[in-house]
Amino acid sequence: MLRATGIVWLLVANVVFHIPQCLSALEDKISAYLATDYEKLASAACRNYSLASWNYQTDVDNKTKVEELVSKTVT
């Protein structure tokens, strides 16, 4: 019984001391992803949204465009 308990405590201690190392490696990977790939994707998405918003806001008052759109959606 004592031997089984000792083995269980060794396994628990191994897991407890191993988790911070795994989390540190995971944190490093996440930081690298955020600094490189995610930054590029987020910047591109933000730029595309800004362009689309600008195009919509500046073209919505174009009467010819509005009439053309209405004629296309009605038919």
C-alpha atoms as a PDB file:
ATOM      1  CA  MET A   1       0.000   0.000   0.000  1.00  0.00           C
ATOM      2  CA  LEU A   2       2.759   2.409   0.917  1.00  0.00           C
ATOM      3  CA  ARG A   3       4.598   1.624  -2.264  1.00  0.00           C
ATOM      4  CA  ALA A   4       1.509   2.280  -4.459  1.00  0.00           C
ATOM      5  CA  THR A   5       0.900   5.582  -2.662  1.00  0.00           C
ATOM      6  CA  GLY A   6       4.500   6.595  -3.203  1.00  0.00           C
ATOM      7  CA  ILE A   7       4.250   5.843  -6.911  1.00  0.00           C
ATOM      8  CA  VAL A   8       1.051   7.863  -7.184  1.00  0.00           C
ATOM      9  CA  TRP A   9       2.740  10.827  -5.463  1.00  0.00           C
ATOM     10  CA  LEU A  10       5.695  10.556  -7.814  1.00  0.00           C
ATOM     11  CA  LEU A  11       3.367  10.607 -10.807  1.00  0.00           C
ATOM     12  CA  VAL A  12       1.458  13.588  -9.408  1.00  0.00           C
ATOM     13  CA  ALA A  13       4.694  15.464  -8.709  1.00  0.00           C
ATOM     14  CA  ASN A  14       5.928  14.695 -12.216  1.00  0.00           C
ATOM     15  CA  VAL A  15       2.727  16.054 -13.742  1.00  0.00           C
ATOM     16  CA  VAL A  16       2.725  19.149 -11.524  1.00  0.00           C
ATOM     17  CA  PHE A  17       6.307  20.034 -12.377  1.00  0.00           C
ATOM     18  CA  HIS A  18       5.910  19.158 -16.060  1.00  0.00           C
ATOM     19  CA  ILE A  19       2.829  21.362 -16.685  1.00  0.00           C
ATOM     20  CA  PRO A  20       4.615  24.730 -16.306  1.00  0.00           C
ATOM     21  CA  GLN A  21       7.227  23.639 -18.865  1.00  0.00           C
ATOM     22  CA  CYS A  22       4.487  22.678 -21.332  1.00  0.00           C
ATOM     23  CA  LEU A  23       2.636  25.931 -20.727  1.00  0.00           C
ATOM     24  CA  SER A  24       5.805  27.918 -21.234  1.00  0.00           C
ATOM     25  CA  ALA A  25       6.424  26.254 -24.594  1.00  0.00           C
ATOM     26  CA  LEU A  26       2.783  26.801 -25.573  1.00  0.00           C
ATOM     27  CA  GLU A  27       2.991  30.440 -24.528  1.00  0.00           C
ATOM     28  CA  ASP A  28       6.093  30.904 -26.688  1.00  0.00           C
ATOM     29  CA  LYS A  29       4.320  29.392 -29.709  1.00  0.00           C
ATOM     30  CA  ILE A  30       1.257  31.560 -29.201  1.00  0.00           C
ATOM     31  CA  SER A  31       3.373  34.691 -28.814  1.00  0.00           C
ATOM     32  CA  ALA A  32       5.242  33.892 -32.022  1.00  0.00           C
ATOM     33  CA  TYR A  33       1.965  33.295 -33.901  1.00  0.00           C
ATOM     34  CA  LEU A  34       0.465  36.551 -32.645  1.00  0.00           C
ATOM     35  CA  ALA A  35       3.569  38.507 -33.591  1.00  0.00           C
ATOM     36  CA  THR A  36       3.828  37.109 -37.126  1.00  0.00           C
ATOM     37  CA  ASP A  37       0.895  35.350 -38.806  1.00  0.00           C
ATOM     38  CA  TYR A  38      -1.965  36.824 -36.804  1.00  0.00           C
ATOM     39  CA  GLU A  39      -0.650  40.367 -37.182  1.00  0.00           C
ATOM     40  CA  LYS A  40      -0.600  40.016 -40.969  1.00  0.00           C
ATOM     41  CA  LEU A  41      -4.084  38.480 -41.112  1.00  0.00           C
ATOM     42  CA  ALA A  42      -5.611  41.018 -38.731  1.00  0.00           C
ATOM     43  CA  SER A  43      -4.021  43.949 -40.578  1.00  0.00           C
ATOM     44  CA  ALA A  44      -5.302  42.698 -43.937  1.00  0.00           C
ATOM     45  CA  ALA A  45      -8.816  42.143 -42.552  1.00  0.00           C
ATOM     46  CA  CYS A  46      -8.855  45.610 -40.990  1.00  0.00           C
ATOM     47  CA  ARG A  47      -7.668  47.195 -44.234  1.00  0.00           C
ATOM     48  CA  ASN A  48     -10.283  45.332 -46.293  1.00  0.00           C
ATOM     49  CA  TYR A  49     -13.026  46.389 -43.886  1.00  0.00           C
ATOM     50  CA  SER A  50     -11.906  50.022 -44.025  1.00  0.00           C
ATOM     51  CA  LEU A  51     -11.825  49.997 -47.833  1.00  0.00           C
ATOM     52  CA  ALA A  52     -15.251  48.379 -48.091  1.00  0.00           C
ATOM     53  CA  SER A  53     -16.699  50.804 -45.582  1.00  0.00           C
ATOM     54  CA  TRP A  54     -15.178  53.766 -47.392  1.00  0.00           C
ATOM     55  CA  ASN A  55     -16.435  52.552 -50.770  1.00  0.00           C
ATOM     56  CA  TYR A  56     -19.937  52.020 -49.423  1.00  0.00           C
ATOM     57  CA  GLN A  57     -20.134  55.355 -47.639  1.00  0.00           C
ATOM     58  CA  THR A  58     -18.820  57.378 -50.567  1.00  0.00           C
ATOM     59  CA  ASP A  59     -20.896  55.596 -53.229  1.00  0.00           C
ATOM     60  CA  VAL A  60     -24.257  55.343 -51.458  1.00  0.00           C
ATOM     61  CA  ASP A  61     -25.237  58.871 -52.520  1.00  0.00           C
ATOM     62  CA  ASN A  62     -24.459  58.210 -56.175  1.00  0.00           C
ATOM     63  CA  LYS A  63     -27.972  58.509 -57.617  1.00  0.00           C
ATOM     64  CA  THR A  64     -27.122  56.685 -60.843  1.00  0.00           C
ATOM     65  CA  LYS A  65     -25.655  53.760 -58.905  1.00  0.00           C
ATOM     66  CA  VAL A  66     -28.695  53.593 -56.606  1.00  0.00           C
ATOM     67  CA  GLU A  67     -31.106  53.601 -59.584  1.00  0.00           C
ATOM     68  CA  GLU A  68     -29.069  50.874 -61.284  1.00  0.00           C
ATOM     69  CA  LEU A  69     -29.084  48.761 -58.143  1.00  0.00           C
ATOM     70  CA  VAL A  70     -32.823  49.225 -57.662  1.00  0.00           C
ATOM     71  CA  SER A  71     -33.553  48.293 -61.267  1.00  0.00           C
ATOM     72  CA  LYS A  72     -31.459  45.133 -60.926  1.00  0.00           C
ATOM     73  CA  THR A  73     -33.102  44.033 -57.688  1.00  0.00           C
ATOM     74  CA  VAL A  74     -36.651  44.742 -58.860  1.00  0.00           C
ATOM     75  CA  THR A  75     -36.348  42.683 -62.036  1.00  0.00           C
END
